[in-house]
Amino acid sequence: MFAIDQATGRLTSLGNESTRGQTPRNFAVDPSGNWLLAANQDTSTIVPFRINHQTGHLHPTGHQTQIPNPVCIKLLLV
């Protein structure tokens, strides 16, 4: 996770957040910028996190979806 200095564009590390699974393979941020979905290939899960816009930190929701060996997340807008 990184914070972005709006004046300079400089990134500052905020640390790491576990994806709550093994072998994180891909992630996607929804178009609203409120949610990050992490695909964990070896635990066959997709785990959602809420993005805190003030701090940049990710907050796990406590939910996960079982998907056999996910390797890519694509968001479809309908």
PDB file of N, CA and C in Angstrom:
ATOM      1  N   MET A   1       0.850  -1.170   0.000  1.00  0.00           N
ATOM      2  CA  MET A   1       0.000   0.000   0.000  1.00  0.00           C
ATOM      3  C   MET A   1       0.890   1.225   0.000  1.00  0.00           C
ATOM      4  N   PHE A   2       0.418   2.252  -0.691  1.00  0.00           N
ATOM      5  CA  PHE A   2       1.184   3.486  -0.791  1.00  0.00           C
ATOM      6  C   PHE A   2       0.274   4.697  -0.619  1.00  0.00           C
ATOM      7  N   ALA A   3       0.830   5.750  -0.061  1.00  0.00           N
ATOM      8  CA  ALA A   3       0.182   7.054  -0.043  1.00  0.00           C
ATOM      9  C   ALA A   3       0.797   7.853  -1.183  1.00  0.00           C
ATOM     10  N   ILE A   4      -0.006   8.706  -1.833  1.00  0.00           N
ATOM     11  CA  ILE A   4       0.473   9.535  -2.928  1.00  0.00           C
ATOM     12  C   ILE A   4       0.448  10.991  -2.493  1.00  0.00           C
ATOM     13  N   ASP A   5       1.587  11.641  -2.561  1.00  0.00           N
ATOM     14  CA  ASP A   5       1.649  13.079  -2.299  1.00  0.00           C
ATOM     15  C   ASP A   5       1.018  13.771  -3.498  1.00  0.00           C
ATOM     16  N   GLN A   6      -0.110  14.436  -3.283  1.00  0.00           N
ATOM     17  CA  GLN A   6      -0.859  15.047  -4.379  1.00  0.00           C
ATOM     18  C   GLN A   6      -0.080  16.166  -5.082  1.00  0.00           C
ATOM     19  N   ALA A   7       0.835  16.810  -4.388  1.00  0.00           N
ATOM     20  CA  ALA A   7       1.594  17.908  -4.985  1.00  0.00           C
ATOM     21  C   ALA A   7       2.733  17.410  -5.873  1.00  0.00           C
ATOM     22  N   THR A   8       3.395  16.322  -5.443  1.00  0.00           N
ATOM     23  CA  THR A   8       4.590  15.864  -6.161  1.00  0.00           C
ATOM     24  C   THR A   8       4.405  14.524  -6.870  1.00  0.00           C
ATOM     25  N   GLY A   9       3.374  13.773  -6.476  1.00  0.00           N
ATOM     26  CA  GLY A   9       3.190  12.432  -7.022  1.00  0.00           C
ATOM     27  C   GLY A   9       4.070  11.392  -6.355  1.00  0.00           C
ATOM     28  N   ARG A  10       4.826  11.797  -5.348  1.00  0.00           N
ATOM     29  CA  ARG A  10       5.736  10.885  -4.659  1.00  0.00           C
ATOM     30  C   ARG A  10       4.952   9.839  -3.864  1.00  0.00           C
ATOM     31  N   LEU A  11       5.410   8.578  -3.931  1.00  0.00           N
ATOM     32  CA  LEU A  11       4.787   7.482  -3.194  1.00  0.00           C
ATOM     33  C   LEU A  11       5.507   7.246  -1.881  1.00  0.00           C
ATOM     34  N   THR A  12       4.733   6.984  -0.832  1.00  0.00           N
ATOM     35  CA  THR A  12       5.279   6.621   0.464  1.00  0.00           C
ATOM     36  C   THR A  12       4.656   5.300   0.882  1.00  0.00           C
ATOM     37  N   SER A  13       5.495   4.342   1.234  1.00  0.00           N
ATOM     38  CA  SER A  13       4.993   3.020   1.626  1.00  0.00           C
ATOM     39  C   SER A  13       4.178   3.106   2.913  1.00  0.00           C
ATOM     40  N   LEU A  14       3.024   2.424   2.911  1.00  0.00           N
ATOM     41  CA  LEU A  14       2.180   2.335   4.103  1.00  0.00           C
ATOM     42  C   LEU A  14       2.276   0.946   4.739  1.00  0.00           C
ATOM     43  N   GLY A  15       3.090   0.076   4.167  1.00  0.00           N
ATOM     44  CA  GLY A  15       3.221  -1.282   4.690  1.00  0.00           C
ATOM     45  C   GLY A  15       2.519  -2.282   3.792  1.00  0.00           C
ATOM     46  N   ASN A  16       2.235  -3.438   4.352  1.00  0.00           N
ATOM     47  CA  ASN A  16       1.614  -4.539   3.612  1.00  0.00           C
ATOM     48  C   ASN A  16       0.327  -4.963   4.283  1.00  0.00           C
ATOM     49  N   GLU A  17      -0.556  -5.562   3.510  1.00  0.00           N
ATOM     50  CA  GLU A  17      -1.796  -6.141   4.033  1.00  0.00           C
ATOM     51  C   GLU A  17      -1.897  -7.556   3.477  1.00  0.00           C
ATOM     52  N   SER A  18      -2.100  -8.523   4.333  1.00  0.00           N
ATOM     53  CA  SER A  18      -2.267  -9.905   3.892  1.00  0.00           C
ATOM     54  C   SER A  18      -3.500 -10.021   3.012  1.00  0.00           C
ATOM     55  N   THR A  19      -3.427 -10.854   1.980  1.00  0.00           N
ATOM     56  CA  THR A  19      -4.584 -11.101   1.124  1.00  0.00           C
ATOM     57  C   THR A  19      -5.482 -12.184   1.711  1.00  0.00           C
ATOM     58  N   ARG A  20      -5.142 -12.664   2.894  1.00  0.00           N
ATOM     59  CA  ARG A  20      -5.927 -13.676   3.606  1.00  0.00           C
ATOM     60  C   ARG A  20      -5.976 -15.009   2.837  1.00  0.00           C
ATOM     61  N   GLY A  21      -4.905 -15.284   2.083  1.00  0.00           N
ATOM     62  CA  GLY A  21      -4.829 -16.534   1.336  1.00  0.00           C
ATOM     63  C   GLY A  21      -3.411 -16.802   0.884  1.00  0.00           C
ATOM     64  N   GLN A  22      -3.246 -17.873   0.120  1.00  0.00           N
ATOM     65  CA  GLN A  22      -1.926 -18.252  -0.375  1.00  0.00           C
ATOM     66  C   GLN A  22      -1.808 -17.976  -1.864  1.00  0.00           C
ATOM     67  N   THR A  23      -0.636 -17.531  -2.256  1.00  0.00           N
ATOM     68  CA  THR A  23      -0.278 -17.234  -3.635  1.00  0.00           C
ATOM     69  C   THR A  23      -1.212 -16.184  -4.250  1.00  0.00           C
ATOM     70  N   PRO A  24      -1.155 -14.940  -3.743  1.00  0.00           N
ATOM     71  CA  PRO A  24      -1.940 -13.874  -4.366  1.00  0.00           C
ATOM     72  C   PRO A  24      -1.500 -13.737  -5.821  1.00  0.00           C
ATOM     73  N   ARG A  25      -2.434 -13.839  -6.729  1.00  0.00           N
ATOM     74  CA  ARG A  25      -2.088 -13.892  -8.148  1.00  0.00           C
ATOM     75  C   ARG A  25      -2.487 -12.615  -8.887  1.00  0.00           C
ATOM     76  N   ASN A  26      -3.556 -11.967  -8.439  1.00  0.00           N
ATOM     77  CA  ASN A  26      -4.037 -10.789  -9.158  1.00  0.00           C
ATOM     78  C   ASN A  26      -4.915  -9.985  -8.214  1.00  0.00           C
ATOM     79  N   PHE A  27      -5.105  -8.714  -8.524  1.00  0.00           N
ATOM     80  CA  PHE A  27      -6.060  -7.905  -7.773  1.00  0.00           C
ATOM     81  C   PHE A  27      -6.692  -6.899  -8.721  1.00  0.00           C
ATOM     82  N   ALA A  28      -7.830  -6.359  -8.288  1.00  0.00           N
ATOM     83  CA  ALA A  28      -8.520  -5.338  -9.071  1.00  0.00           C
ATOM     84  C   ALA A  28      -9.184  -4.359  -8.115  1.00  0.00           C
ATOM     85  N   VAL A  29      -9.215  -3.091  -8.522  1.00  0.00           N
ATOM     86  CA  VAL A  29      -9.918  -2.057  -7.776  1.00  0.00           C
ATOM     87  C   VAL A  29     -11.181  -1.731  -8.582  1.00  0.00           C
ATOM     88  N   ASP A  30     -12.329  -1.700  -7.890  1.00  0.00           N
ATOM     89  CA  ASP A  30     -13.583  -1.425  -8.596  1.00  0.00           C
ATOM     90  C   ASP A  30     -13.597   0.026  -9.096  1.00  0.00           C
ATOM     91  N   PRO A  31     -14.450   0.332 -10.079  1.00  0.00           N
ATOM     92  CA  PRO A  31     -14.462   1.681 -10.662  1.00  0.00           C
ATOM     93  C   PRO A  31     -14.724   2.806  -9.659  1.00  0.00           C
ATOM     94  N   SER A  32     -15.423   2.528  -8.560  1.00  0.00           N
ATOM     95  CA  SER A  32     -15.671   3.576  -7.569  1.00  0.00           C
ATOM     96  C   SER A  32     -14.425   3.872  -6.736  1.00  0.00           C
ATOM     97  N   GLY A  33     -13.453   2.962  -6.764  1.00  0.00           N
ATOM     98  CA  GLY A  33     -12.247   3.130  -5.961  1.00  0.00           C
ATOM     99  C   GLY A  33     -12.437   2.773  -4.503  1.00  0.00           C
ATOM    100  N   ASN A  34     -13.586   2.177  -4.168  1.00  0.00           N
ATOM    101  CA  ASN A  34     -13.878   1.845  -2.770  1.00  0.00           C
ATOM    102  C   ASN A  34     -13.475   0.435  -2.371  1.00  0.00           C
ATOM    103  N   TRP A  35     -13.302  -0.454  -3.340  1.00  0.00           N
ATOM    104  CA  TRP A  35     -13.072  -1.868  -3.052  1.00  0.00           C
ATOM    105  C   TRP A  35     -11.883  -2.411  -3.830  1.00  0.00           C
ATOM    106  N   LEU A  36     -11.110  -3.269  -3.170  1.00  0.00           N
ATOM    107  CA  LEU A  36     -10.061  -4.027  -3.824  1.00  0.00           C
ATOM    108  C   LEU A  36     -10.407  -5.504  -3.667  1.00  0.00           C
ATOM    109  N   LEU A  37     -10.324  -6.262  -4.748  1.00  0.00           N
ATOM    110  CA  LEU A  37     -10.559  -7.700  -4.728  1.00  0.00           C
ATOM    111  C   LEU A  37      -9.229  -8.389  -4.968  1.00  0.00           C
ATOM    112  N   ALA A  38      -8.857  -9.332  -4.092  1.00  0.00           N
ATOM    113  CA  ALA A  38      -7.601 -10.065  -4.213  1.00  0.00           C
ATOM    114  C   ALA A  38      -7.885 -11.521  -4.541  1.00  0.00           C
ATOM    115  N   ALA A  39      -7.235 -12.041  -5.589  1.00  0.00           N
ATOM    116  CA  ALA A  39      -7.386 -13.440  -5.996  1.00  0.00           C
ATOM    117  C   ALA A  39      -6.218 -14.249  -5.436  1.00  0.00           C
ATOM    118  N   ASN A  40      -6.534 -15.261  -4.630  1.00  0.00           N
ATOM    119  CA  ASN A  40      -5.529 -16.138  -4.025  1.00  0.00           C
ATOM    120  C   ASN A  40      -5.580 -17.496  -4.713  1.00  0.00           C
ATOM    121  N   GLN A  41      -4.586 -17.760  -5.566  1.00  0.00           N
ATOM    122  CA  GLN A  41      -4.615 -18.946  -6.418  1.00  0.00           C
ATOM    123  C   GLN A  41      -4.629 -20.250  -5.620  1.00  0.00           C
ATOM    124  N   ASP A  42      -3.733 -20.423  -4.660  1.00  0.00           N
ATOM    125  CA  ASP A  42      -3.600 -21.725  -3.997  1.00  0.00           C
ATOM    126  C   ASP A  42      -4.607 -21.992  -2.889  1.00  0.00           C
ATOM    127  N   THR A  43      -5.326 -20.969  -2.432  1.00  0.00           N
ATOM    128  CA  THR A  43      -6.409 -21.208  -1.470  1.00  0.00           C
ATOM    129  C   THR A  43      -7.775 -21.075  -2.139  1.00  0.00           C
ATOM    130  N   SER A  44      -7.770 -20.827  -3.450  1.00  0.00           N
ATOM    131  CA  SER A  44      -9.009 -20.777  -4.245  1.00  0.00           C
ATOM    132  C   SER A  44     -10.027 -19.789  -3.682  1.00  0.00           C
ATOM    133  N   THR A  45      -9.552 -18.580  -3.381  1.00  0.00           N
ATOM    134  CA  THR A  45     -10.449 -17.564  -2.818  1.00  0.00           C
ATOM    135  C   THR A  45     -10.259 -16.216  -3.504  1.00  0.00           C
ATOM    136  N   ILE A  46     -11.338 -15.445  -3.510  1.00  0.00           N
ATOM    137  CA  ILE A  46     -11.278 -14.027  -3.838  1.00  0.00           C
ATOM    138  C   ILE A  46     -11.755 -13.296  -2.592  1.00  0.00           C
ATOM    139  N   VAL A  47     -10.931 -12.370  -2.115  1.00  0.00           N
ATOM    140  CA  VAL A  47     -11.184 -11.692  -0.842  1.00  0.00           C
ATOM    141  C   VAL A  47     -11.356 -10.195  -1.078  1.00  0.00           C
ATOM    142  N   PRO A  48     -12.502  -9.625  -0.640  1.00  0.00           N
ATOM    143  CA  PRO A  48     -12.719  -8.180  -0.802  1.00  0.00           C
ATOM    144  C   PRO A  48     -12.179  -7.375   0.385  1.00  0.00           C
ATOM    145  N   PHE A  49     -11.662  -6.194   0.071  1.00  0.00           N
ATOM    146  CA  PHE A  49     -11.180  -5.238   1.072  1.00  0.00           C
ATOM    147  C   PHE A  49     -11.799  -3.880   0.770  1.00  0.00           C
ATOM    148  N   ARG A  50     -12.163  -3.153   1.815  1.00  0.00           N
ATOM    149  CA  ARG A  50     -12.602  -1.767   1.643  1.00  0.00           C
ATOM    150  C   ARG A  50     -11.364  -0.891   1.673  1.00  0.00           C
ATOM    151  N   ILE A  51     -11.299   0.085   0.766  1.00  0.00           N
ATOM    152  CA  ILE A  51     -10.176   1.013   0.700  1.00  0.00           C
ATOM    153  C   ILE A  51     -10.523   2.267   1.482  1.00  0.00           C
ATOM    154  N   ASN A  52      -9.693   2.619   2.460  1.00  0.00           N
ATOM    155  CA  ASN A  52      -9.881   3.853   3.223  1.00  0.00           C
ATOM    156  C   ASN A  52      -9.220   4.978   2.428  1.00  0.00           C
ATOM    157  N   HIS A  53     -10.022   5.915   1.938  1.00  0.00           N
ATOM    158  CA  HIS A  53      -9.493   6.984   1.086  1.00  0.00           C
ATOM    159  C   HIS A  53      -8.671   8.010   1.860  1.00  0.00           C
ATOM    160  N   GLN A  54      -8.869   8.129   3.158  1.00  0.00           N
ATOM    161  CA  GLN A  54      -8.089   9.070   3.953  1.00  0.00           C
ATOM    162  C   GLN A  54      -6.688   8.535   4.237  1.00  0.00           C
ATOM    163  N   THR A  55      -6.593   7.234   4.578  1.00  0.00           N
ATOM    164  CA  THR A  55      -5.304   6.678   4.990  1.00  0.00           C
ATOM    165  C   THR A  55      -4.639   5.826   3.916  1.00  0.00           C
ATOM    166  N   GLY A  56      -5.421   5.338   2.951  1.00  0.00           N
ATOM    167  CA  GLY A  56      -4.883   4.430   1.941  1.00  0.00           C
ATOM    168  C   GLY A  56      -4.832   2.986   2.384  1.00  0.00           C
ATOM    169  N   HIS A  57      -5.215   2.719   3.618  1.00  0.00           N
ATOM    170  CA  HIS A  57      -5.168   1.348   4.133  1.00  0.00           C
ATOM    171  C   HIS A  57      -6.334   0.508   3.612  1.00  0.00           C
ATOM    172  N   LEU A  58      -6.095  -0.797   3.578  1.00  0.00           N
ATOM    173  CA  LEU A  58      -7.119  -1.761   3.194  1.00  0.00           C
ATOM    174  C   LEU A  58      -7.716  -2.377   4.441  1.00  0.00           C
ATOM    175  N   HIS A  59      -9.029  -2.579   4.437  1.00  0.00           N
ATOM    176  CA  HIS A  59      -9.716  -3.181   5.584  1.00  0.00           C
ATOM    177  C   HIS A  59     -10.465  -4.424   5.106  1.00  0.00           C
ATOM    178  N   PRO A  60     -10.066  -5.611   5.593  1.00  0.00           N
ATOM    179  CA  PRO A  60     -10.756  -6.838   5.183  1.00  0.00           C
ATOM    180  C   PRO A  60     -12.210  -6.812   5.638  1.00  0.00           C
ATOM    181  N   THR A  61     -13.091  -7.358   4.808  1.00  0.00           N
ATOM    182  CA  THR A  61     -14.518  -7.376   5.130  1.00  0.00           C
ATOM    183  C   THR A  61     -14.912  -8.599   5.951  1.00  0.00           C
ATOM    184  N   GLY A  62     -14.029  -9.606   5.999  1.00  0.00           N
ATOM    185  CA  GLY A  62     -14.376 -10.851   6.676  1.00  0.00           C
ATOM    186  C   GLY A  62     -15.065 -11.844   5.748  1.00  0.00           C
ATOM    187  N   HIS A  63     -15.297 -11.445   4.514  1.00  0.00           N
ATOM    188  CA  HIS A  63     -15.940 -12.317   3.519  1.00  0.00           C
ATOM    189  C   HIS A  63     -14.893 -12.847   2.551  1.00  0.00           C
ATOM    190  N   GLN A  64     -15.226 -13.960   1.918  1.00  0.00           N
ATOM    191  CA  GLN A  64     -14.435 -14.464   0.811  1.00  0.00           C
ATOM    192  C   GLN A  64     -15.302 -15.361  -0.044  1.00  0.00           C
ATOM    193  N   THR A  65     -14.942 -15.453  -1.318  1.00  0.00           N
ATOM    194  CA  THR A  65     -15.680 -16.279  -2.265  1.00  0.00           C
ATOM    195  C   THR A  65     -14.766 -17.382  -2.755  1.00  0.00           C
ATOM    196  N   GLN A  66     -15.266 -18.607  -2.737  1.00  0.00           N
ATOM    197  CA  GLN A  66     -14.499 -19.755  -3.216  1.00  0.00           C
ATOM    198  C   GLN A  66     -14.584 -19.814  -4.743  1.00  0.00           C
ATOM    199  N   ILE A  67     -13.454 -19.775  -5.405  1.00  0.00           N
ATOM    200  CA  ILE A  67     -13.322 -19.872  -6.861  1.00  0.00           C
ATOM    201  C   ILE A  67     -12.128 -20.791  -7.107  1.00  0.00           C
ATOM    202  N   PRO A  68     -12.291 -21.877  -7.864  1.00  0.00           N
ATOM    203  CA  PRO A  68     -11.156 -22.779  -8.074  1.00  0.00           C
ATOM    204  C   PRO A  68      -9.963 -22.081  -8.746  1.00  0.00           C
ATOM    205  N   ASN A  69      -8.869 -21.990  -8.028  1.00  0.00           N
ATOM    206  CA  ASN A  69      -7.586 -21.476  -8.526  1.00  0.00           C
ATOM    207  C   ASN A  69      -7.676 -20.191  -9.362  1.00  0.00           C
ATOM    208  N   PRO A  70      -8.191 -19.102  -8.788  1.00  0.00           N
ATOM    209  CA  PRO A  70      -8.299 -17.863  -9.578  1.00  0.00           C
ATOM    210  C   PRO A  70      -6.914 -17.313  -9.940  1.00  0.00           C
ATOM    211  N   VAL A  71      -6.785 -16.830 -11.167  1.00  0.00           N
ATOM    212  CA  VAL A  71      -5.516 -16.257 -11.603  1.00  0.00           C
ATOM    213  C   VAL A  71      -5.669 -14.828 -12.119  1.00  0.00           C
ATOM    214  N   CYS A  72      -6.910 -14.398 -12.364  1.00  0.00           N
ATOM    215  CA  CYS A  72      -7.120 -13.058 -12.902  1.00  0.00           C
ATOM    216  C   CYS A  72      -8.506 -12.566 -12.505  1.00  0.00           C
ATOM    217  N   ILE A  73      -8.608 -11.292 -12.180  1.00  0.00           N
ATOM    218  CA  ILE A  73      -9.909 -10.695 -11.877  1.00  0.00           C
ATOM    219  C   ILE A  73     -10.207  -9.674 -12.960  1.00  0.00           C
ATOM    220  N   LYS A  74     -11.358  -9.806 -13.580  1.00  0.00           N
ATOM    221  CA  LYS A  74     -11.828  -8.845 -14.575  1.00  0.00           C
ATOM    222  C   LYS A  74     -13.173  -8.311 -14.099  1.00  0.00           C
ATOM    223  N   LEU A  75     -13.328  -7.012 -14.067  1.00  0.00           N
ATOM    224  CA  LEU A  75     -14.580  -6.397 -13.670  1.00  0.00           C
ATOM    225  C   LEU A  75     -15.371  -6.046 -14.924  1.00  0.00           C
ATOM    226  N   LEU A  76     -16.592  -6.525 -14.974  1.00  0.00           N
ATOM    227  CA  LEU A  76     -17.463  -6.233 -16.104  1.00  0.00           C
ATOM    228  C   LEU A  76     -18.485  -5.189 -15.708  1.00  0.00           C
ATOM    229  N   LEU A  77     -18.563  -4.139 -16.463  1.00  0.00           N
ATOM    230  CA  LEU A  77     -19.530  -3.075 -16.180  1.00  0.00           C
ATOM    231  C   LEU A  77     -20.714  -3.265 -17.120  1.00  0.00           C
ATOM    232  N   VAL A  78     -21.874  -3.372 -16.529  1.00  0.00           N
ATOM    233  CA  VAL A  78     -23.082  -3.552 -17.345  1.00  0.00           C
ATOM    234  C   VAL A  78     -24.066  -2.448 -17.085  1.00  0.00           C
TER     235      VAL A  78
END
